[in-house]
């Protein structure tokens, strides 16, 4: 897999892992700072950005780093399968949920809800991991097809 295809796919996957759950959390009003902006589709861009901004930098770096390591391990494959990429995304988010200390997780998981694996937000974070894996696999596949032409 070429660096030209890998880098944009990884960055887009990382952004998906951060912003997809943030958008859903903002829309549902599960974050106090997003609720202060207001809920609904007309406020969604601002409230999504606020929720994502509330998430501590350590969380974003940890998710991005685990995604990077996982996707690099997939880079040895000639064709990146969606299932393997989704698994990497799920592992990245689940490991971050399990391992990040509360003091570094500002606005994320247990720092947001008071519970490490809250039944309301954990599925949303895992959905972000699934989305990240899909975005990566689709991005790499499209880039490789375009490069082959």
Protein backbone atom coordinates (compact mmCIF):
# COMPACT_ATOMS: atom_id res chain seq x y z
CA UNK A 1 0.00 0.00 0.00
CA UNK A 2 1.43 3.36 -0.98
CA UNK A 3 1.93 6.26 1.41
CA UNK A 4 -0.12 8.37 -1.02
CA UNK A 5 -3.15 6.17 -0.39
CA UNK A 6 -2.45 5.33 3.25
CA UNK A 7 -2.08 8.82 4.74
CA UNK A 8 -5.38 10.38 3.57
CA UNK A 9 -7.29 7.19 4.44
CA UNK A 10 -5.80 7.09 7.95
CA UNK A 11 -6.49 10.78 8.63
CA UNK A 12 -10.06 10.44 7.40
CA UNK A 13 -10.55 7.31 9.51
CA UNK A 14 -9.21 9.09 12.59
CA UNK A 15 -11.53 12.05 11.99
CA UNK A 16 -14.44 9.63 11.62
CA UNK A 17 -13.58 7.91 14.92
CA UNK A 18 -13.63 11.29 16.66
CA UNK A 19 -16.43 13.17 14.90
CA UNK A 20 -19.05 10.47 14.20
CA UNK A 21 -19.69 9.71 17.90
CA UNK A 22 -19.40 13.44 18.66
CA UNK A 23 -22.14 14.21 16.13
CA UNK A 24 -24.49 11.60 17.58
CA UNK A 25 -23.75 12.65 21.17
CA UNK A 26 -24.34 16.28 20.22
CA UNK A 27 -27.57 15.49 18.38
CA UNK A 28 -28.93 13.51 21.31
CA UNK A 29 -27.88 16.22 23.77
CA UNK A 30 -25.79 13.82 25.88
CA UNK A 31 -23.07 16.42 26.44
CA UNK A 32 -23.78 19.42 28.64
CA UNK A 33 -21.70 21.75 26.48
CA UNK A 34 -23.49 20.62 23.32
CA UNK A 35 -26.86 20.94 25.02
CA UNK A 36 -25.94 24.52 25.94
CA UNK A 37 -25.51 25.28 22.23
CA UNK A 38 -28.78 23.55 21.45
CA UNK A 39 -29.87 20.34 19.81
CA UNK A 40 -31.32 19.71 16.39
CA UNK A 41 -29.94 19.58 12.88
CA UNK A 42 -29.54 23.34 12.55
CA UNK A 43 -27.14 23.40 15.52
CA UNK A 44 -25.43 20.10 14.72
CA UNK A 45 -22.19 21.44 13.17
CA UNK A 46 -21.47 23.75 16.13
CA UNK A 47 -22.51 21.26 18.79
CA UNK A 48 -20.56 18.42 17.11
CA UNK A 49 -17.44 20.54 17.00
CA UNK A 50 -17.95 21.43 20.68
CA UNK A 51 -18.27 17.78 21.75
CA UNK A 52 -15.19 16.81 19.72
CA UNK A 53 -13.29 19.79 21.14
CA UNK A 54 -14.24 18.77 24.69
CA UNK A 55 -12.58 15.37 24.18
CA UNK A 56 -9.09 15.41 25.67
CA UNK A 57 -6.07 15.47 23.35
CA UNK A 58 -4.76 12.25 24.92
CA UNK A 59 -7.89 10.43 23.76
CA UNK A 60 -7.54 11.71 20.21
CA UNK A 61 -3.84 10.84 20.12
CA UNK A 62 -4.43 7.37 21.56
CA UNK A 63 -7.19 6.54 19.08
CA UNK A 64 -5.13 7.91 16.20
CA UNK A 65 -2.01 6.04 17.31
CA UNK A 66 -3.76 2.71 17.70
CA UNK A 67 -5.47 3.21 14.33
CA UNK A 68 -2.08 4.00 12.79
CA UNK A 69 -0.45 0.87 14.21
CA UNK A 70 -3.38 -1.32 13.23
CA UNK A 71 -3.68 0.07 9.72
CA UNK A 72 0.10 -0.19 9.20
CA UNK A 73 -0.16 -3.87 10.04
CA UNK A 74 -2.88 -4.14 7.38
CA UNK A 75 -0.60 -2.34 4.95
CA UNK A 76 1.26 -5.56 4.27
CA UNK A 77 -1.89 -6.91 2.65
CA UNK A 78 -2.34 -6.40 -1.07
CA UNK A 79 -6.02 -5.62 -0.62
CA UNK A 80 -7.38 -4.22 2.63
CA UNK A 81 -10.49 -6.10 3.67
CA UNK A 82 -13.33 -4.18 5.25
CA UNK A 83 -13.70 -6.70 8.06
CA UNK A 84 -10.06 -6.41 9.11
CA UNK A 85 -10.18 -2.60 8.94
CA UNK A 86 -13.39 -2.54 11.02
CA UNK A 87 -11.72 -4.79 13.58
CA UNK A 88 -8.80 -2.34 13.81
CA UNK A 89 -11.25 0.52 14.35
CA UNK A 90 -13.12 -1.35 17.05
CA UNK A 91 -9.90 -2.34 18.82
CA UNK A 92 -8.63 1.27 18.73
CA UNK A 93 -11.79 2.65 20.31
CA UNK A 94 -12.28 -0.20 22.79
CA UNK A 95 -8.66 -0.03 23.94
CA UNK A 96 -8.95 3.72 24.42
CA UNK A 97 -12.18 3.28 26.38
CA UNK A 98 -10.56 0.65 28.57
CA UNK A 99 -7.12 2.14 29.12
CA UNK A 100 -7.29 5.94 29.12
CA UNK A 101 -7.17 7.38 32.64
CA UNK A 102 -10.08 9.57 33.68
CA UNK A 103 -7.71 12.47 34.27
CA UNK A 104 -6.76 12.42 30.55
CA UNK A 105 -10.14 11.62 29.05
CA UNK A 106 -11.82 15.00 29.42
CA UNK A 107 -15.18 14.90 27.60
CA UNK A 108 -14.85 11.22 26.64
CA UNK A 109 -16.51 8.11 28.05
CA UNK A 110 -16.16 8.02 31.84
CA UNK A 111 -15.16 11.69 32.02
CA UNK A 112 -18.39 12.53 30.18
CA UNK A 113 -20.81 10.11 31.85
CA UNK A 114 -19.11 9.01 35.07
CA UNK A 115 -18.97 5.39 33.91
CA UNK A 116 -16.16 3.86 31.84
CA UNK A 117 -18.45 1.67 29.72
CA UNK A 118 -21.73 3.57 29.86
CA UNK A 119 -24.59 1.81 28.07
CA UNK A 120 -25.60 5.02 26.33
CA UNK A 121 -22.30 6.25 24.92
CA UNK A 122 -20.18 3.10 24.50
CA UNK A 123 -22.16 1.86 21.46
CA UNK A 124 -21.77 5.33 19.93
CA UNK A 125 -18.00 5.24 20.37
CA UNK A 126 -17.85 1.72 18.93
CA UNK A 127 -19.92 2.91 15.97
CA UNK A 128 -17.20 5.51 15.43
CA UNK A 129 -14.63 2.69 15.36
CA UNK A 130 -16.69 0.76 12.82
CA UNK A 131 -17.02 3.90 10.72
CA UNK A 132 -13.27 4.53 10.95
CA UNK A 133 -12.50 1.06 9.67
CA UNK A 134 -14.97 1.35 6.80
CA UNK A 135 -13.70 4.80 5.82
CA UNK A 136 -10.12 3.55 5.81
CA UNK A 137 -10.86 0.45 3.71
CA UNK A 138 -12.99 2.35 1.21
CA UNK A 139 -10.48 5.20 0.96
CA UNK A 140 -7.52 2.91 0.34
CA UNK A 141 -9.45 0.82 -2.20
CA UNK A 142 -10.60 3.87 -4.17
CA UNK A 143 -7.12 5.38 -4.14
CA UNK A 144 -5.52 2.14 -5.32
CA UNK A 145 -8.08 1.81 -8.13
CA UNK A 146 -7.45 5.39 -9.23
CA UNK A 147 -3.67 4.84 -9.16
CA UNK A 148 -4.02 1.67 -11.26
CA UNK A 149 -5.76 3.54 -14.09
